[in-house]
Amino acid sequence: MLEELKGILTTQAGLPAAPITADASLADAGIDSMAVTVLSMQLEDRMGLFLTEDELSCAPTVSALADLIASRAAGTP
């Protein structure tokens, strides 16, 4: 899920790939409110997942964000 997340953020939100590492905070990875909004829309379009911007923004790291998305995709709240 981490690589898919990185792909969405670089291709759809226009972020550079270099700072998007598993242990980076969202801020350090350049994931701002606009990127979170784009991510939320892409997750819904691509995977049928509905995660609010607030839910996505609460993840402390990129890895935690990927884990949240993966658990939601697996049907775990």
N, C-alpha and C. Protein backbone atom coordinates (compact mmCIF):
# COMPACT_ATOMS: atom_id res chain seq x y z
N MET A 1 0.83 -1.19 0.00
CA MET A 1 0.00 0.00 0.00
C MET A 1 0.87 1.25 0.00
N LEU A 2 2.05 1.17 0.60
CA LEU A 2 2.93 2.34 0.66
C LEU A 2 3.30 2.84 -0.73
N GLU A 3 3.64 1.94 -1.62
CA GLU A 3 4.03 2.35 -2.98
C GLU A 3 2.83 2.91 -3.74
N GLU A 4 1.66 2.32 -3.55
CA GLU A 4 0.45 2.85 -4.19
C GLU A 4 0.14 4.25 -3.67
N LEU A 5 0.26 4.43 -2.36
CA LEU A 5 0.05 5.74 -1.75
C LEU A 5 1.04 6.76 -2.33
N LYS A 6 2.29 6.37 -2.41
CA LYS A 6 3.31 7.26 -2.96
C LYS A 6 2.99 7.61 -4.41
N GLY A 7 2.51 6.64 -5.16
CA GLY A 7 2.13 6.88 -6.55
C GLY A 7 1.01 7.89 -6.68
N ILE A 8 -0.01 7.76 -5.85
CA ILE A 8 -1.13 8.70 -5.88
C ILE A 8 -0.63 10.11 -5.54
N LEU A 9 0.18 10.20 -4.51
CA LEU A 9 0.64 11.51 -4.07
C LEU A 9 1.56 12.19 -5.08
N THR A 10 2.36 11.41 -5.80
CA THR A 10 3.26 12.01 -6.77
C THR A 10 2.57 12.31 -8.10
N THR A 11 1.69 11.42 -8.55
CA THR A 11 1.07 11.64 -9.85
C THR A 11 -0.17 12.51 -9.78
N GLN A 12 -0.96 12.37 -8.74
CA GLN A 12 -2.22 13.10 -8.66
C GLN A 12 -2.11 14.40 -7.87
N ALA A 13 -1.31 14.40 -6.80
CA ALA A 13 -1.18 15.60 -5.97
C ALA A 13 0.06 16.42 -6.34
N GLY A 14 0.90 15.87 -7.23
CA GLY A 14 2.06 16.61 -7.70
C GLY A 14 3.19 16.76 -6.71
N LEU A 15 3.27 15.86 -5.74
CA LEU A 15 4.34 15.95 -4.75
C LEU A 15 5.60 15.27 -5.26
N PRO A 16 6.79 15.74 -4.87
CA PRO A 16 8.02 15.05 -5.23
C PRO A 16 8.14 13.75 -4.45
N ALA A 17 8.67 12.71 -5.08
CA ALA A 17 8.74 11.39 -4.46
C ALA A 17 9.77 11.30 -3.33
N ALA A 18 10.87 12.02 -3.44
CA ALA A 18 11.98 11.86 -2.50
C ALA A 18 11.60 11.96 -1.02
N PRO A 19 10.84 12.97 -0.59
CA PRO A 19 10.57 13.05 0.85
C PRO A 19 9.48 12.10 1.35
N ILE A 20 8.82 11.37 0.45
CA ILE A 20 7.74 10.48 0.88
C ILE A 20 8.34 9.13 1.25
N THR A 21 8.76 9.01 2.50
CA THR A 21 9.32 7.77 3.02
C THR A 21 8.42 7.26 4.12
N ALA A 22 8.54 5.98 4.45
CA ALA A 22 7.65 5.35 5.43
C ALA A 22 7.65 6.05 6.77
N ASP A 23 8.81 6.47 7.24
CA ASP A 23 8.89 7.04 8.58
C ASP A 23 8.76 8.56 8.62
N ALA A 24 8.55 9.19 7.47
CA ALA A 24 8.39 10.65 7.43
C ALA A 24 7.03 11.05 7.98
N SER A 25 7.01 12.17 8.69
CA SER A 25 5.72 12.72 9.10
C SER A 25 5.03 13.24 7.84
N LEU A 26 3.72 13.44 7.94
CA LEU A 26 3.00 13.95 6.78
C LEU A 26 3.56 15.31 6.36
N ALA A 27 3.87 16.16 7.33
CA ALA A 27 4.42 17.48 7.02
C ALA A 27 5.78 17.36 6.34
N ASP A 28 6.65 16.48 6.85
CA ASP A 28 7.98 16.31 6.26
C ASP A 28 7.89 15.76 4.84
N ALA A 29 6.86 14.97 4.57
CA ALA A 29 6.67 14.39 3.23
C ALA A 29 5.99 15.38 2.28
N GLY A 30 5.61 16.54 2.80
CA GLY A 30 4.97 17.55 1.96
C GLY A 30 3.48 17.33 1.78
N ILE A 31 2.90 16.46 2.61
CA ILE A 31 1.48 16.15 2.50
C ILE A 31 0.69 17.20 3.26
N ASP A 32 0.18 18.17 2.53
CA ASP A 32 -0.60 19.25 3.12
C ASP A 32 -2.09 18.98 2.94
N SER A 33 -2.91 19.94 3.32
CA SER A 33 -4.36 19.72 3.26
C SER A 33 -4.85 19.49 1.83
N MET A 34 -4.24 20.13 0.86
CA MET A 34 -4.63 19.92 -0.54
C MET A 34 -4.30 18.50 -0.98
N ALA A 35 -3.12 18.00 -0.61
CA ALA A 35 -2.73 16.64 -0.96
C ALA A 35 -3.65 15.63 -0.28
N VAL A 36 -4.05 15.89 0.95
CA VAL A 36 -4.96 15.00 1.67
C VAL A 36 -6.32 14.96 0.97
N THR A 37 -6.79 16.10 0.50
CA THR A 37 -8.06 16.16 -0.22
C THR A 37 -7.98 15.35 -1.51
N VAL A 38 -6.90 15.52 -2.26
CA VAL A 38 -6.70 14.75 -3.49
C VAL A 38 -6.64 13.27 -3.17
N LEU A 39 -5.92 12.90 -2.13
CA LEU A 39 -5.80 11.50 -1.73
C LEU A 39 -7.17 10.92 -1.38
N SER A 40 -7.95 11.64 -0.62
CA SER A 40 -9.29 11.19 -0.25
C SER A 40 -10.14 10.91 -1.48
N MET A 41 -10.10 11.82 -2.44
CA MET A 41 -10.89 11.64 -3.67
C MET A 41 -10.37 10.47 -4.50
N GLN A 42 -9.06 10.31 -4.58
CA GLN A 42 -8.49 9.21 -5.35
C GLN A 42 -8.79 7.86 -4.72
N LEU A 43 -8.76 7.78 -3.40
CA LEU A 43 -9.08 6.52 -2.72
C LEU A 43 -10.52 6.12 -2.99
N GLU A 44 -11.40 7.10 -3.01
CA GLU A 44 -12.80 6.82 -3.30
C GLU A 44 -12.97 6.39 -4.75
N ASP A 45 -12.33 7.09 -5.68
CA ASP A 45 -12.45 6.77 -7.10
C ASP A 45 -11.82 5.43 -7.45
N ARG A 46 -10.63 5.18 -6.94
CA ARG A 46 -9.87 3.98 -7.32
C ARG A 46 -10.27 2.73 -6.55
N MET A 47 -10.59 2.90 -5.26
CA MET A 47 -10.78 1.74 -4.41
C MET A 47 -12.16 1.68 -3.76
N GLY A 48 -12.96 2.70 -3.97
CA GLY A 48 -14.27 2.73 -3.34
C GLY A 48 -14.21 2.97 -1.84
N LEU A 49 -13.09 3.50 -1.36
CA LEU A 49 -12.91 3.76 0.07
C LEU A 49 -13.28 5.19 0.38
N PHE A 50 -14.02 5.37 1.46
CA PHE A 50 -14.33 6.73 1.90
C PHE A 50 -13.63 6.97 3.22
N LEU A 51 -12.60 7.80 3.17
CA LEU A 51 -11.90 8.25 4.37
C LEU A 51 -11.93 9.76 4.33
N THR A 52 -12.32 10.36 5.43
CA THR A 52 -12.38 11.81 5.48
C THR A 52 -10.98 12.40 5.54
N GLU A 53 -10.90 13.66 5.20
CA GLU A 53 -9.62 14.35 5.30
C GLU A 53 -9.11 14.35 6.74
N ASP A 54 -10.04 14.46 7.70
CA ASP A 54 -9.63 14.43 9.12
C ASP A 54 -9.02 13.10 9.48
N GLU A 55 -9.64 12.00 9.02
CA GLU A 55 -9.09 10.67 9.31
C GLU A 55 -7.69 10.52 8.72
N LEU A 56 -7.54 10.94 7.48
CA LEU A 56 -6.24 10.81 6.82
C LEU A 56 -5.18 11.69 7.46
N SER A 57 -5.56 12.87 7.87
CA SER A 57 -4.62 13.83 8.46
C SER A 57 -4.13 13.42 9.84
N CYS A 58 -4.86 12.55 10.51
CA CYS A 58 -4.50 12.13 11.87
C CYS A 58 -3.33 11.14 11.91
N ALA A 59 -2.99 10.56 10.78
CA ALA A 59 -1.88 9.59 10.75
C ALA A 59 -0.58 10.33 11.05
N PRO A 60 0.23 9.81 11.99
CA PRO A 60 1.46 10.51 12.36
C PRO A 60 2.59 10.38 11.33
N THR A 61 2.57 9.30 10.55
CA THR A 61 3.62 9.08 9.55
C THR A 61 3.00 8.57 8.26
N VAL A 62 3.80 8.58 7.21
CA VAL A 62 3.35 8.04 5.92
C VAL A 62 3.02 6.56 6.07
N SER A 63 3.82 5.83 6.82
CA SER A 63 3.57 4.40 7.05
C SER A 63 2.23 4.19 7.77
N ALA A 64 1.95 5.00 8.77
CA ALA A 64 0.68 4.89 9.49
C ALA A 64 -0.49 5.21 8.56
N LEU A 65 -0.29 6.15 7.67
CA LEU A 65 -1.32 6.50 6.69
C LEU A 65 -1.57 5.31 5.76
N ALA A 66 -0.51 4.68 5.29
CA ALA A 66 -0.64 3.50 4.43
C ALA A 66 -1.33 2.37 5.18
N ASP A 67 -0.99 2.18 6.45
CA ASP A 67 -1.63 1.14 7.26
C ASP A 67 -3.12 1.41 7.44
N LEU A 68 -3.48 2.67 7.66
CA LEU A 68 -4.89 3.04 7.81
C LEU A 68 -5.66 2.70 6.54
N ILE A 69 -5.10 3.06 5.40
CA ILE A 69 -5.76 2.78 4.12
C ILE A 69 -5.88 1.28 3.90
N ALA A 70 -4.81 0.54 4.18
CA ALA A 70 -4.83 -0.91 3.99
C ALA A 70 -5.85 -1.58 4.90
N SER A 71 -5.95 -1.13 6.15
CA SER A 71 -6.92 -1.74 7.06
C SER A 71 -8.34 -1.44 6.62
N ARG A 72 -8.58 -0.24 6.13
CA ARG A 72 -9.90 0.12 5.62
C ARG A 72 -10.24 -0.70 4.38
N ALA A 73 -9.24 -0.90 3.51
CA ALA A 73 -9.46 -1.69 2.29
C ALA A 73 -9.77 -3.14 2.63
N ALA A 74 -9.21 -3.62 3.74
CA ALA A 74 -9.46 -4.99 4.18
C ALA A 74 -10.77 -5.13 4.94
N GLY A 75 -11.44 -4.00 5.16
CA GLY A 75 -12.72 -4.03 5.86
C GLY A 75 -12.63 -3.85 7.35
N THR A 76 -11.46 -3.49 7.85
CA THR A 76 -11.28 -3.25 9.28
C THR A 76 -11.45 -1.76 9.55
N PRO A 77 -12.33 -1.40 10.50
CA PRO A 77 -12.54 0.03 10.77
C PRO A 77 -11.34 0.71 11.41
